[in-house]
Amino acid sequence: MEKRTYGKTGMEVAALGFGGAEIGFQGVSAAEADRLLGSALDAGLNVIDTAECYGNSEELIGQTVGHRRDDYYLFTKCGHAAGFEDPDWEPAMLTRSIDRSLQRLRTDRVDVIHLHSCSEELLRRGEVIEVLQQAKQAGKTRYIGYSGDGMAARYAVQSGLFDSLETSLNIADQQAAELTLPLAAAAGMGVVVKRPIANAVWQHDAKPDNGYVQPYWERLQQLKYSFLERPLAESIGTALRFTLSIPGVHCAIVGTSNPDRWSANARLLEAGPLTAGELEQMRTRWRDVAEADWVGQT
């Protein structure tokens, strides 16, 4: 598995990471999570990303691979009360949430804590950033970051206060390629991409009921990339390679509850990055077709 240097942090991250939302939301058993994460770590995975509000994701990760803590970089997020009585983004709640995440993950530190998609207004007030800075000073996290999209993400990057950016980028969601990634690269930030295969939404012949993926399905009806007509595994591979070919991207996290999926996706990357011509053709298609409201999707 290809390794990339995660900005100024110096962490050598595998290009393909694991996103922990699905295992937390889809009722995955501890045995299934153990098989999934254990086999992926054995195959080269070294970035696991989760969050305070992904069901029991943090607990599953701690329970199954907490004993292998030195084998992977661990990212989590904070911001949503998710079980606390306090409002979202209340500073004291954030501190308790971080401590709870460490307990759930069975570790005394994570590698990155990201603010979980808060508004630009909250970022400008500074209190939520101070909580992360205090956690870093206390040794609870090595680095701090912002997870989100659009102008809030741009402000986070320009603030110079963060080490890491987690943002959406894929064949149907390319705003970040121009809005934030060049600035993040100039600032030496690590960049981890969520939703890197656009949820493979093109596999649906009709508009899916799931509102979370509908914007991507609708966009792809207009983008009409020819490679989406190929067999599903091949088209997923091309889509994933597209995301990882965008300058400034260090790691793409794909979520799954299928114990064999991470290794299967890793094999798709053996074809290497897209050629410069292939990448530019897809970027040009986006520029020609994308509408003004096709902004980054949280």
Protein backbone atom coordinates (compact mmCIF):
# COMPACT_ATOMS: atom_id res chain seq x y z
CA MET A 1 0.00 0.00 0.00
CA GLU A 2 1.35 3.41 -1.02
CA LYS A 3 2.34 5.68 1.87
CA ARG A 4 2.13 9.48 1.80
CA THR A 5 3.60 12.03 4.20
CA TYR A 6 0.71 13.69 6.04
CA GLY A 7 1.72 17.32 5.66
CA LYS A 8 3.89 18.89 8.32
CA THR A 9 2.89 16.21 10.85
CA GLY A 10 5.33 13.84 9.16
CA MET A 11 3.03 10.86 9.67
CA GLU A 12 3.44 8.29 6.88
CA VAL A 13 -0.16 7.36 6.13
CA ALA A 14 -1.49 4.69 3.83
CA ALA A 15 -3.30 6.23 0.86
CA LEU A 16 -6.41 4.19 1.71
CA GLY A 17 -7.80 4.61 5.21
CA PHE A 18 -10.83 3.25 7.02
CA GLY A 19 -13.91 5.28 7.93
CA GLY A 20 -15.76 4.04 10.99
CA ALA A 21 -19.30 5.35 10.43
CA GLU A 22 -20.78 2.19 8.92
CA ILE A 23 -19.59 -0.18 11.62
CA GLY A 24 -21.16 2.12 14.20
CA PHE A 25 -24.50 2.56 12.46
CA GLN A 26 -25.14 -0.83 10.87
CA GLY A 27 -25.14 -3.15 13.87
CA VAL A 28 -21.78 -4.77 13.11
CA SER A 29 -20.81 -7.31 15.73
CA ALA A 30 -17.52 -7.18 17.59
CA ALA A 31 -16.45 -10.36 15.82
CA GLU A 32 -17.15 -8.84 12.39
CA ALA A 33 -15.37 -5.60 13.30
CA ASP A 34 -12.42 -7.59 14.61
CA ARG A 35 -12.16 -9.52 11.36
CA LEU A 36 -12.55 -6.37 9.24
CA LEU A 37 -10.07 -4.18 11.08
CA GLY A 38 -7.59 -6.90 11.95
CA SER A 39 -7.31 -8.18 8.38
CA ALA A 40 -7.05 -4.62 7.01
CA LEU A 41 -4.25 -3.74 9.43
CA ASP A 42 -2.46 -6.91 8.40
CA ALA A 43 -2.84 -5.87 4.74
CA GLY A 44 -1.42 -2.35 5.18
CA LEU A 45 -4.15 -0.14 6.67
CA ASN A 46 -2.74 2.41 9.10
CA VAL A 47 -5.39 5.18 9.32
CA ILE A 48 -8.66 4.64 11.20
CA ASP A 49 -11.09 7.57 11.30
CA THR A 50 -14.17 7.72 13.50
CA ALA A 51 -16.28 10.23 15.45
CA GLU A 52 -18.14 10.80 18.67
CA CYS A 53 -21.54 10.41 17.00
CA TYR A 54 -20.97 7.29 14.87
CA GLY A 55 -23.05 5.00 17.08
CA ASN A 56 -20.76 2.53 18.86
CA SER A 57 -17.93 2.90 16.34
CA GLU A 58 -15.40 4.15 18.87
CA GLU A 59 -16.20 1.30 21.25
CA LEU A 60 -15.85 -1.31 18.51
CA ILE A 61 -12.48 0.08 17.44
CA GLY A 62 -11.19 0.14 21.00
CA GLN A 63 -12.53 -3.32 21.76
CA THR A 64 -11.15 -5.01 18.67
CA VAL A 65 -7.87 -3.28 17.81
CA GLY A 66 -7.12 -1.19 20.87
CA HIS A 67 -4.36 -3.67 21.72
CA ARG A 68 -2.72 -2.85 18.36
CA ARG A 69 -2.71 0.91 18.99
CA ASP A 70 0.85 1.36 17.71
CA ASP A 71 -0.08 -0.19 14.34
CA TYR A 72 -2.27 2.67 13.14
CA TYR A 73 -2.94 6.39 13.25
CA LEU A 74 -6.21 7.14 15.00
CA PHE A 75 -8.43 10.09 14.06
CA THR A 76 -11.68 11.04 15.78
CA LYS A 77 -13.98 14.07 15.86
CA CYS A 78 -15.88 16.12 18.41
CA GLY A 79 -18.68 18.65 18.38
CA HIS A 80 -22.01 16.84 18.56
CA ALA A 81 -23.33 16.18 22.06
CA ALA A 82 -24.24 12.58 21.09
CA GLY A 83 -25.35 11.35 24.50
CA PHE A 84 -24.56 14.41 26.58
CA GLU A 85 -27.30 16.76 27.74
CA ASP A 86 -25.33 19.86 26.77
CA PRO A 87 -25.84 21.68 23.45
CA ASP A 88 -23.61 20.88 20.50
CA TRP A 89 -20.32 22.80 20.53
CA GLU A 90 -20.49 23.82 24.20
CA PRO A 91 -16.80 23.97 25.23
CA ALA A 92 -17.14 22.00 28.49
CA MET A 93 -19.06 19.31 26.62
CA LEU A 94 -16.31 19.13 23.99
CA THR A 95 -13.74 18.42 26.70
CA ARG A 96 -15.91 15.66 28.18
CA SER A 97 -16.53 14.26 24.70
CA ILE A 98 -12.80 14.05 23.99
CA ASP A 99 -12.21 12.25 27.29
CA ARG A 100 -15.07 9.86 26.54
CA SER A 101 -13.64 9.14 23.08
CA LEU A 102 -10.30 8.18 24.62
CA GLN A 103 -12.05 5.85 27.04
CA ARG A 104 -14.10 4.26 24.29
CA LEU A 105 -11.06 3.88 22.04
CA ARG A 106 -9.03 2.40 24.93
CA THR A 107 -6.13 4.74 24.45
CA ASP A 108 -4.54 7.71 26.19
CA ARG A 109 -4.15 9.70 22.97
CA VAL A 110 -5.32 9.99 19.39
CA ASP A 111 -3.27 11.28 16.49
CA VAL A 112 -5.81 13.86 15.26
CA ILE A 113 -9.00 15.32 16.72
CA HIS A 114 -11.10 17.14 14.13
CA LEU A 115 -13.86 19.61 14.88
CA HIS A 116 -16.89 17.90 13.38
CA SER A 117 -18.20 20.32 10.74
CA CYS A 118 -18.93 23.39 12.82
CA SER A 119 -19.84 26.70 11.22
CA GLU A 120 -17.47 29.47 10.24
CA GLU A 121 -19.14 31.63 12.88
CA LEU A 122 -18.18 29.18 15.62
CA LEU A 123 -14.63 28.94 14.30
CA ARG A 124 -14.28 32.73 14.34
CA ARG A 125 -15.40 32.89 17.98
CA GLY A 126 -12.42 30.69 18.81
CA GLU A 127 -13.70 28.81 21.86
CA VAL A 128 -14.00 25.45 20.11
CA ILE A 129 -10.49 25.76 18.72
CA GLU A 130 -9.17 26.55 22.19
CA VAL A 131 -10.62 23.26 23.47
CA LEU A 132 -8.63 21.34 20.86
CA GLN A 133 -5.50 23.34 21.60
CA GLN A 134 -5.85 22.50 25.29
CA ALA A 135 -6.33 18.82 24.45
CA LYS A 136 -3.14 18.94 22.40
CA GLN A 137 -1.23 20.61 25.22
CA ALA A 138 -2.49 17.93 27.61
CA GLY A 139 -1.23 15.14 25.33
CA LYS A 140 -4.69 13.83 24.48
CA THR A 141 -4.03 14.38 20.78
CA ARG A 142 -0.90 14.91 18.74
CA TYR A 143 -2.55 17.18 16.18
CA ILE A 144 -5.79 19.11 15.71
CA GLY A 145 -7.92 19.54 12.62
CA TYR A 146 -11.16 20.68 11.04
CA SER A 147 -13.59 18.34 9.31
CA GLY A 148 -15.98 20.00 6.90
CA ASP A 149 -16.46 21.73 3.59
CA GLY A 150 -17.10 25.03 1.88
CA MET A 151 -16.24 28.42 3.29
CA ALA A 152 -15.97 27.16 6.87
CA ALA A 153 -13.25 24.75 5.75
CA ARG A 154 -11.53 27.54 3.83
CA TYR A 155 -11.53 29.73 6.95
CA ALA A 156 -10.13 26.86 9.04
CA VAL A 157 -7.29 26.40 6.56
CA GLN A 158 -6.54 30.12 6.34
CA SER A 159 -6.54 30.52 10.13
CA GLY A 160 -3.22 28.70 10.37
CA LEU A 161 -4.39 27.03 13.59
CA PHE A 162 -4.95 23.50 12.32
CA ASP A 163 -2.66 20.66 11.32
CA SER A 164 -5.24 18.61 9.42
CA LEU A 165 -8.23 19.01 7.11
CA GLU A 166 -10.87 16.35 6.51
CA THR A 167 -13.09 17.23 3.59
CA SER A 168 -15.29 15.74 0.86
CA LEU A 169 -13.81 15.19 -2.59
CA ASN A 170 -14.85 12.81 -5.36
CA ILE A 171 -16.00 12.66 -8.96
CA ALA A 172 -19.31 14.32 -8.00
CA ASP A 173 -17.95 16.73 -5.40
CA GLN A 174 -14.92 18.72 -6.55
CA GLN A 175 -15.30 22.12 -4.91
CA ALA A 176 -12.47 21.41 -2.47
CA ALA A 177 -9.98 20.80 -5.30
CA GLU A 178 -9.90 24.56 -5.90
CA LEU A 179 -11.41 26.11 -2.76
CA THR A 180 -9.30 24.56 0.01
CA LEU A 181 -6.74 21.98 -1.13
CA PRO A 182 -4.21 24.38 -2.70
CA LEU A 183 -4.30 26.51 0.45
CA ALA A 184 -3.96 23.44 2.67
CA ALA A 185 -0.96 22.25 0.68
CA ALA A 186 0.68 25.67 0.96
CA ALA A 187 0.12 25.58 4.72
CA GLY A 188 1.61 22.10 5.04
CA MET A 189 -1.62 20.57 6.31
CA GLY A 190 -2.42 16.90 6.15
CA VAL A 191 -5.55 16.21 4.08
CA VAL A 192 -7.83 13.22 4.55
CA VAL A 193 -10.78 12.85 2.16
CA LYS A 194 -14.18 11.51 3.12
CA ARG A 195 -16.75 10.15 0.66
CA PRO A 196 -13.97 9.52 -1.91
CA ILE A 197 -16.05 7.26 -4.17
CA ALA A 198 -19.24 9.35 -4.02
CA ASN A 199 -20.88 6.47 -2.15
CA ALA A 200 -20.74 4.50 -5.44
CA VAL A 201 -24.18 5.97 -6.01
CA TRP A 202 -24.10 5.32 -9.77
CA GLN A 203 -24.81 1.65 -9.07
CA HIS A 204 -28.48 2.66 -8.58
CA ASP A 205 -30.56 2.73 -11.76
CA ALA A 206 -33.12 5.04 -10.14
CA LYS A 207 -32.75 7.88 -7.69
CA PRO A 208 -32.13 6.30 -4.27
CA ASP A 209 -34.36 7.03 -1.30
CA ASN A 210 -31.38 7.89 0.88
CA GLY A 211 -31.25 11.69 0.98
CA TYR A 212 -27.58 11.61 2.00
CA VAL A 213 -26.51 10.32 -1.43
CA GLN A 214 -29.18 11.88 -3.65
CA PRO A 215 -27.16 15.02 -4.55
CA TYR A 216 -24.36 12.85 -5.93
CA TRP A 217 -26.77 10.70 -7.91
CA GLU A 218 -28.37 13.79 -9.43
CA ARG A 219 -25.02 15.36 -10.32
CA LEU A 220 -23.77 12.20 -12.00
CA GLN A 221 -26.86 12.13 -14.21
CA GLN A 222 -25.50 15.34 -15.75
CA LEU A 223 -21.79 14.60 -15.57
CA LYS A 224 -22.23 11.28 -17.44
CA TYR A 225 -18.64 10.08 -17.06
CA SER A 226 -18.16 7.29 -19.59
CA PHE A 227 -16.18 5.11 -17.17
CA LEU A 228 -19.28 4.69 -15.01
CA GLU A 229 -20.64 2.33 -17.67
CA ARG A 230 -17.86 -0.17 -16.92
CA PRO A 231 -18.24 -3.05 -14.43
CA LEU A 232 -18.84 -1.73 -10.90
CA ALA A 233 -15.50 -2.78 -9.40
CA GLU A 234 -13.60 -1.14 -12.26
CA SER A 235 -15.61 2.09 -12.05
CA ILE A 236 -15.15 2.25 -8.27
CA GLY A 237 -11.43 1.81 -8.78
CA THR A 238 -11.31 4.66 -11.29
CA ALA A 239 -13.32 6.92 -9.00
CA LEU A 240 -11.05 6.16 -6.03
CA ARG A 241 -7.91 6.68 -8.11
CA PHE A 242 -9.34 10.02 -9.28
CA THR A 243 -9.66 11.27 -5.70
CA LEU A 244 -6.20 10.11 -4.75
CA SER A 245 -4.75 11.75 -7.89
CA ILE A 246 -5.88 15.24 -6.86
CA PRO A 247 -2.85 17.25 -5.68
CA GLY A 248 -2.75 17.72 -1.92
CA VAL A 249 -4.69 14.58 -0.95
CA HIS A 250 -2.84 12.27 1.42
CA CYS A 251 -5.43 9.69 2.46
CA ALA A 252 -8.94 8.67 1.37
CA ILE A 253 -11.16 6.97 3.94
CA VAL A 254 -13.73 4.46 2.75
CA GLY A 255 -16.30 3.18 5.21
CA THR A 256 -17.62 -0.35 5.08
CA SER A 257 -19.16 -3.04 7.24
CA ASN A 258 -18.00 -5.77 4.84
CA PRO A 259 -14.95 -7.55 6.33
CA ASP A 260 -13.42 -8.06 2.86
CA ARG A 261 -14.08 -4.62 1.39
CA TRP A 262 -10.98 -2.71 2.52
CA SER A 263 -8.61 -5.26 1.00
CA ALA A 264 -10.68 -5.34 -2.20
CA ASN A 265 -10.47 -1.55 -2.50
CA ALA A 266 -6.74 -1.66 -1.80
CA ARG A 267 -6.29 -4.02 -4.75
CA LEU A 268 -8.12 -1.53 -6.99
CA LEU A 269 -5.39 1.01 -6.24
CA GLU A 270 -2.68 -1.26 -7.59
CA ALA A 271 -3.39 0.29 -11.02
CA GLY A 272 -1.74 3.47 -9.72
CA PRO A 273 -2.83 7.10 -10.12
CA LEU A 274 -4.68 8.35 -13.15
CA THR A 275 -2.55 9.80 -15.91
CA ALA A 276 -2.37 13.57 -16.11
CA GLY A 277 -4.56 13.42 -19.21
CA GLU A 278 -7.22 11.25 -17.58
CA LEU A 279 -7.32 13.47 -14.49
CA GLU A 280 -7.61 16.67 -16.50
CA GLN A 281 -10.35 15.22 -18.68
CA MET A 282 -12.48 14.49 -15.61
CA ARG A 283 -11.68 17.84 -14.01
CA THR A 284 -12.60 19.62 -17.25
CA ARG A 285 -15.90 17.74 -17.40
CA TRP A 286 -16.68 18.99 -13.90
CA ARG A 287 -15.82 22.58 -14.76
CA ASP A 288 -18.02 22.42 -17.86
CA VAL A 289 -21.06 20.89 -16.16
CA ALA A 290 -21.01 21.76 -12.44
CA GLU A 291 -23.65 24.24 -11.34
CA ALA A 292 -23.10 27.05 -8.87
CA ASP A 293 -24.84 25.21 -6.03
CA TRP A 294 -22.75 22.04 -6.40
CA VAL A 295 -20.90 22.77 -3.18
CA GLY A 296 -19.04 20.35 -0.92
CA GLN A 297 -21.31 17.88 0.85
CA THR A 298 -20.78 17.38 4.57
